[in-house]
């Protein structure tokens, strides 16, 4: 009799736990795993973040060469689209979009400003409740995204210093 109860218990346990493992396996994750790849170039989440950071640093050092580097950001945007398609609720997408917008906003051209606005609108539309979405919404309302920067104001230079005179002696004292 105890053998029969053991077998029945095992069958019931296998049925119950087997059903649970199937239901867990069918649930979709909200956050993309780090070892999944997105877009035509099969970029990882880390690869996307590094490319945004690297392209921003390259632009800061050599803005004149940026035209040839724009393809890399295009691949990042493609990867983010794929990432969002597969994991639409992943909150890390918002951060990536925010920094893509920051990259585009650095480019002092009409095309760069238009891309910055489009990227921020995407961020605000798809991730409005994240910190990045809230900041983006505020900056869009304030007109900061894609705005033409004000011209640099050159302030007058300080008076010339006569290096031939000792410190503290004015130029008029020697006259």
C-alpha atoms as a PDB file:
ATOM      1  CA  UNK A   1       0.000   0.000   0.000  1.00  0.00           C
ATOM      2  CA  UNK A   2       2.812   2.451   0.841  1.00  0.00           C
ATOM      3  CA  UNK A   3       4.406   1.715  -2.523  1.00  0.00           C
ATOM      4  CA  UNK A   4       1.129   2.606  -4.254  1.00  0.00           C
ATOM      5  CA  UNK A   5       0.881   5.905  -2.338  1.00  0.00           C
ATOM      6  CA  UNK A   6       4.478   6.728  -3.225  1.00  0.00           C
ATOM      7  CA  UNK A   7       3.826   6.137  -6.929  1.00  0.00           C
ATOM      8  CA  UNK A   8       0.619   8.204  -6.878  1.00  0.00           C
ATOM      9  CA  UNK A   9       2.390  10.999  -4.998  1.00  0.00           C
ATOM     10  CA  UNK A  10       5.222  11.029  -7.533  1.00  0.00           C
ATOM     11  CA  UNK A  11       2.789  11.103 -10.451  1.00  0.00           C
ATOM     12  CA  UNK A  12       0.826  13.974  -8.923  1.00  0.00           C
ATOM     13  CA  UNK A  13       4.050  15.830  -8.073  1.00  0.00           C
ATOM     14  CA  UNK A  14       5.387  15.327 -11.587  1.00  0.00           C
ATOM     15  CA  UNK A  15       2.137  16.593 -13.028  1.00  0.00           C
ATOM     16  CA  UNK A  16       1.983  19.655 -10.747  1.00  0.00           C
ATOM     17  CA  UNK A  17       5.657  20.599 -10.979  1.00  0.00           C
ATOM     18  CA  UNK A  18       5.861  19.720 -14.655  1.00  0.00           C
ATOM     19  CA  UNK A  19       2.941  22.069 -15.336  1.00  0.00           C
ATOM     20  CA  UNK A  20       4.610  24.847 -13.306  1.00  0.00           C
ATOM     21  CA  UNK A  21       7.872  24.579 -15.215  1.00  0.00           C
ATOM     22  CA  UNK A  22       6.011  24.792 -18.525  1.00  0.00           C
ATOM     23  CA  UNK A  23       4.130  27.887 -17.404  1.00  0.00           C
ATOM     24  CA  UNK A  24       7.355  29.537 -16.186  1.00  0.00           C
ATOM     25  CA  UNK A  25       9.088  28.759 -19.467  1.00  0.00           C
ATOM     26  CA  UNK A  26       6.279  30.390 -21.446  1.00  0.00           C
ATOM     27  CA  UNK A  27       6.365  33.713 -19.619  1.00  0.00           C
ATOM     28  CA  UNK A  28       8.201  36.499 -21.382  1.00  0.00           C
ATOM     29  CA  UNK A  29      10.820  38.509 -19.598  1.00  0.00           C
ATOM     30  CA  UNK A  30      10.367  42.243 -19.227  1.00  0.00           C
ATOM     31  CA  UNK A  31      14.117  42.866 -19.441  1.00  0.00           C
ATOM     32  CA  UNK A  32      16.307  41.641 -22.262  1.00  0.00           C
ATOM     33  CA  UNK A  33      19.083  39.246 -21.267  1.00  0.00           C
ATOM     34  CA  UNK A  34      22.618  40.559 -21.647  1.00  0.00           C
ATOM     35  CA  UNK A  35      23.551  37.778 -24.051  1.00  0.00           C
ATOM     36  CA  UNK A  36      20.829  38.527 -26.614  1.00  0.00           C
ATOM     37  CA  UNK A  37      21.696  40.384 -29.803  1.00  0.00           C
ATOM     38  CA  UNK A  38      19.645  42.906 -31.746  1.00  0.00           C
ATOM     39  CA  UNK A  39      19.495  44.553 -35.153  1.00  0.00           C
ATOM     40  CA  UNK A  40      21.325  43.835 -38.378  1.00  0.00           C
ATOM     41  CA  UNK A  41      24.707  43.923 -36.656  1.00  0.00           C
ATOM     42  CA  UNK A  42      23.514  41.709 -33.785  1.00  0.00           C
ATOM     43  CA  UNK A  43      24.500  44.190 -31.101  1.00  0.00           C
ATOM     44  CA  UNK A  44      24.240  43.313 -27.416  1.00  0.00           C
ATOM     45  CA  UNK A  45      22.866  45.766 -24.885  1.00  0.00           C
ATOM     46  CA  UNK A  46      26.416  46.483 -23.774  1.00  0.00           C
ATOM     47  CA  UNK A  47      27.495  46.908 -27.405  1.00  0.00           C
ATOM     48  CA  UNK A  48      24.729  49.448 -27.947  1.00  0.00           C
ATOM     49  CA  UNK A  49      25.757  51.472 -24.872  1.00  0.00           C
ATOM     50  CA  UNK A  50      29.455  51.324 -25.776  1.00  0.00           C
ATOM     51  CA  UNK A  51      28.837  52.430 -29.358  1.00  0.00           C
ATOM     52  CA  UNK A  52      26.817  55.438 -28.199  1.00  0.00           C
ATOM     53  CA  UNK A  53      29.544  56.380 -25.718  1.00  0.00           C
ATOM     54  CA  UNK A  54      32.377  55.835 -28.225  1.00  0.00           C
ATOM     55  CA  UNK A  55      30.706  57.798 -31.017  1.00  0.00           C
ATOM     56  CA  UNK A  56      30.013  60.683 -28.637  1.00  0.00           C
ATOM     57  CA  UNK A  57      33.665  60.769 -27.567  1.00  0.00           C
ATOM     58  CA  UNK A  58      34.822  60.588 -31.210  1.00  0.00           C
ATOM     59  CA  UNK A  59      32.558  63.463 -32.133  1.00  0.00           C
ATOM     60  CA  UNK A  60      33.862  65.548 -29.238  1.00  0.00           C
ATOM     61  CA  UNK A  61      37.464  64.949 -30.346  1.00  0.00           C
ATOM     62  CA  UNK A  62      37.029  65.174 -34.127  1.00  0.00           C
ATOM     63  CA  UNK A  63      33.711  66.672 -35.169  1.00  0.00           C
ATOM     64  CA  UNK A  64      34.958  67.151 -38.741  1.00  0.00           C
ATOM     65  CA  UNK A  65      35.125  63.348 -39.209  1.00  0.00           C
ATOM     66  CA  UNK A  66      31.638  62.684 -37.900  1.00  0.00           C
ATOM     67  CA  UNK A  67      30.064  62.228 -41.331  1.00  0.00           C
ATOM     68  CA  UNK A  68      31.865  58.915 -41.793  1.00  0.00           C
ATOM     69  CA  UNK A  69      30.937  57.761 -38.268  1.00  0.00           C
ATOM     70  CA  UNK A  70      27.165  58.317 -38.518  1.00  0.00           C
ATOM     71  CA  UNK A  71      26.634  54.765 -39.784  1.00  0.00           C
ATOM     72  CA  UNK A  72      27.494  53.360 -36.367  1.00  0.00           C
ATOM     73  CA  UNK A  73      24.712  55.338 -34.700  1.00  0.00           C
ATOM     74  CA  UNK A  74      22.362  54.211 -37.462  1.00  0.00           C
ATOM     75  CA  UNK A  75      23.129  50.606 -36.520  1.00  0.00           C
ATOM     76  CA  UNK A  76      22.519  51.458 -32.855  1.00  0.00           C
ATOM     77  CA  UNK A  77      19.084  52.883 -33.703  1.00  0.00           C
ATOM     78  CA  UNK A  78      18.311  49.760 -35.742  1.00  0.00           C
ATOM     79  CA  UNK A  79      19.324  47.575 -32.789  1.00  0.00           C
ATOM     80  CA  UNK A  80      17.187  49.617 -30.376  1.00  0.00           C
ATOM     81  CA  UNK A  81      14.159  49.206 -32.655  1.00  0.00           C
ATOM     82  CA  UNK A  82      14.698  45.430 -32.649  1.00  0.00           C
ATOM     83  CA  UNK A  83      15.282  45.410 -28.879  1.00  0.00           C
ATOM     84  CA  UNK A  84      12.057  47.332 -28.258  1.00  0.00           C
ATOM     85  CA  UNK A  85      10.145  45.032 -30.614  1.00  0.00           C
ATOM     86  CA  UNK A  86      11.225  41.996 -28.593  1.00  0.00           C
ATOM     87  CA  UNK A  87      11.147  43.594 -25.115  1.00  0.00           C
ATOM     88  CA  UNK A  88       8.731  46.557 -25.287  1.00  0.00           C
ATOM     89  CA  UNK A  89       8.721  47.127 -21.524  1.00  0.00           C
ATOM     90  CA  UNK A  90      12.472  46.983 -20.944  1.00  0.00           C
ATOM     91  CA  UNK A  91      13.256  50.180 -19.003  1.00  0.00           C
ATOM     92  CA  UNK A  92      16.891  50.170 -20.167  1.00  0.00           C
ATOM     93  CA  UNK A  93      15.774  51.111 -23.680  1.00  0.00           C
ATOM     94  CA  UNK A  94      14.803  54.548 -22.363  1.00  0.00           C
ATOM     95  CA  UNK A  95      18.361  55.210 -21.183  1.00  0.00           C
ATOM     96  CA  UNK A  96      19.802  54.209 -24.544  1.00  0.00           C
ATOM     97  CA  UNK A  97      17.360  56.443 -26.419  1.00  0.00           C
ATOM     98  CA  UNK A  98      18.170  59.331 -24.093  1.00  0.00           C
ATOM     99  CA  UNK A  99      21.883  59.080 -24.864  1.00  0.00           C
ATOM    100  CA  UNK A 100      21.265  58.683 -28.599  1.00  0.00           C
ATOM    101  CA  UNK A 101      19.297  61.937 -28.394  1.00  0.00           C
ATOM    102  CA  UNK A 102      22.180  63.570 -26.513  1.00  0.00           C
ATOM    103  CA  UNK A 103      24.543  62.442 -29.262  1.00  0.00           C
ATOM    104  CA  UNK A 104      22.343  63.848 -32.057  1.00  0.00           C
ATOM    105  CA  UNK A 105      21.801  67.089 -30.137  1.00  0.00           C
ATOM    106  CA  UNK A 106      25.580  67.718 -30.211  1.00  0.00           C
ATOM    107  CA  UNK A 107      25.635  67.779 -34.003  1.00  0.00           C
ATOM    108  CA  UNK A 108      25.322  71.419 -35.091  1.00  0.00           C
ATOM    109  CA  UNK A 109      23.319  70.742 -38.268  1.00  0.00           C
ATOM    110  CA  UNK A 110      19.640  70.791 -39.144  1.00  0.00           C
ATOM    111  CA  UNK A 111      19.766  67.021 -39.687  1.00  0.00           C
ATOM    112  CA  UNK A 112      21.318  66.467 -36.254  1.00  0.00           C
ATOM    113  CA  UNK A 113      18.709  68.657 -34.581  1.00  0.00           C
ATOM    114  CA  UNK A 114      15.880  66.879 -36.426  1.00  0.00           C
ATOM    115  CA  UNK A 115      17.228  63.473 -35.364  1.00  0.00           C
ATOM    116  CA  UNK A 116      17.492  64.687 -31.765  1.00  0.00           C
ATOM    117  CA  UNK A 117      13.833  65.783 -31.788  1.00  0.00           C
ATOM    118  CA  UNK A 118      12.681  62.546 -33.406  1.00  0.00           C
ATOM    119  CA  UNK A 119      14.627  60.422 -30.926  1.00  0.00           C
ATOM    120  CA  UNK A 120      13.334  62.359 -27.928  1.00  0.00           C
ATOM    121  CA  UNK A 121       9.756  62.128 -29.250  1.00  0.00           C
ATOM    122  CA  UNK A 122      10.214  58.353 -29.563  1.00  0.00           C
ATOM    123  CA  UNK A 123      11.514  58.189 -25.995  1.00  0.00           C
ATOM    124  CA  UNK A 124       8.684  60.298 -24.565  1.00  0.00           C
ATOM    125  CA  UNK A 125       6.027  58.396 -26.498  1.00  0.00           C
ATOM    126  CA  UNK A 126       7.190  54.871 -25.635  1.00  0.00           C
ATOM    127  CA  UNK A 127       8.654  55.410 -22.146  1.00  0.00           C
ATOM    128  CA  UNK A 128       6.777  58.357 -20.610  1.00  0.00           C
ATOM    129  CA  UNK A 129       6.889  57.082 -17.023  1.00  0.00           C
ATOM    130  CA  UNK A 130      10.648  56.600 -16.815  1.00  0.00           C
ATOM    131  CA  UNK A 131      12.974  59.287 -15.485  1.00  0.00           C
ATOM    132  CA  UNK A 132      14.356  59.698 -19.017  1.00  0.00           C
ATOM    133  CA  UNK A 133      10.862  60.070 -20.484  1.00  0.00           C
ATOM    134  CA  UNK A 134       9.915  62.713 -17.927  1.00  0.00           C
ATOM    135  CA  UNK A 135      13.099  64.700 -18.534  1.00  0.00           C
ATOM    136  CA  UNK A 136      12.588  64.362 -22.284  1.00  0.00           C
ATOM    137  CA  UNK A 137       9.027  65.626 -22.085  1.00  0.00           C
ATOM    138  CA  UNK A 138      10.128  68.646 -20.041  1.00  0.00           C
ATOM    139  CA  UNK A 139      12.986  69.441 -22.431  1.00  0.00           C
ATOM    140  CA  UNK A 140      10.706  69.138 -25.475  1.00  0.00           C
ATOM    141  CA  UNK A 141       8.217  71.538 -23.891  1.00  0.00           C
ATOM    142  CA  UNK A 142      11.017  73.961 -22.993  1.00  0.00           C
ATOM    143  CA  UNK A 143      12.362  73.814 -26.555  1.00  0.00           C
ATOM    144  CA  UNK A 144      15.784  72.525 -25.516  1.00  0.00           C
ATOM    145  CA  UNK A 145      15.795  69.499 -27.831  1.00  0.00           C
ATOM    146  CA  UNK A 146      16.993  70.279 -31.326  1.00  0.00           C
ATOM    147  CA  UNK A 147      17.263  73.985 -30.607  1.00  0.00           C
ATOM    148  CA  UNK A 148      19.793  76.087 -32.425  1.00  0.00           C
ATOM    149  CA  UNK A 149      22.412  77.030 -29.829  1.00  0.00           C
ATOM    150  CA  UNK A 150      22.815  80.738 -29.167  1.00  0.00           C
ATOM    151  CA  UNK A 151      25.857  82.349 -30.756  1.00  0.00           C
ATOM    152  CA  UNK A 152      28.926  82.434 -28.572  1.00  0.00           C
ATOM    153  CA  UNK A 153      29.211  85.759 -26.831  1.00  0.00           C
ATOM    154  CA  UNK A 154      32.789  86.972 -26.810  1.00  0.00           C
ATOM    155  CA  UNK A 155      33.548  88.947 -23.698  1.00  0.00           C
ATOM    156  CA  UNK A 156      36.121  91.699 -23.725  1.00  0.00           C
ATOM    157  CA  UNK A 157      39.608  90.616 -22.820  1.00  0.00           C
ATOM    158  CA  UNK A 158      41.121  91.750 -19.539  1.00  0.00           C
ATOM    159  CA  UNK A 159      43.580  94.646 -19.727  1.00  0.00           C
ATOM    160  CA  UNK A 160      47.014  93.759 -20.958  1.00  0.00           C
ATOM    161  CA  UNK A 161      49.676  93.090 -18.357  1.00  0.00           C
ATOM    162  CA  UNK A 162      53.077  94.668 -18.758  1.00  0.00           C
ATOM    163  CA  UNK A 163      55.471  91.828 -17.987  1.00  0.00           C
ATOM    164  CA  UNK A 164      58.467  94.177 -17.855  1.00  0.00           C
ATOM    165  CA  UNK A 165      57.254  95.830 -14.639  1.00  0.00           C
ATOM    166  CA  UNK A 166      57.310  94.227 -11.162  1.00  0.00           C
ATOM    167  CA  UNK A 167      54.070  92.846  -9.754  1.00  0.00           C
ATOM    168  CA  UNK A 168      51.964  95.539  -8.079  1.00  0.00           C
ATOM    169  CA  UNK A 169      53.512  98.404 -10.040  1.00  0.00           C
ATOM    170  CA  UNK A 170      50.965  99.926 -12.375  1.00  0.00           C
ATOM    171  CA  UNK A 171      51.681 100.999 -15.896  1.00  0.00           C
ATOM    172  CA  UNK A 172      51.020 104.603 -14.921  1.00  0.00           C
ATOM    173  CA  UNK A 173      53.562 104.562 -12.060  1.00  0.00           C
ATOM    174  CA  UNK A 174      56.389 104.154 -14.508  1.00  0.00           C
ATOM    175  CA  UNK A 175      55.360 107.168 -16.577  1.00  0.00           C
END
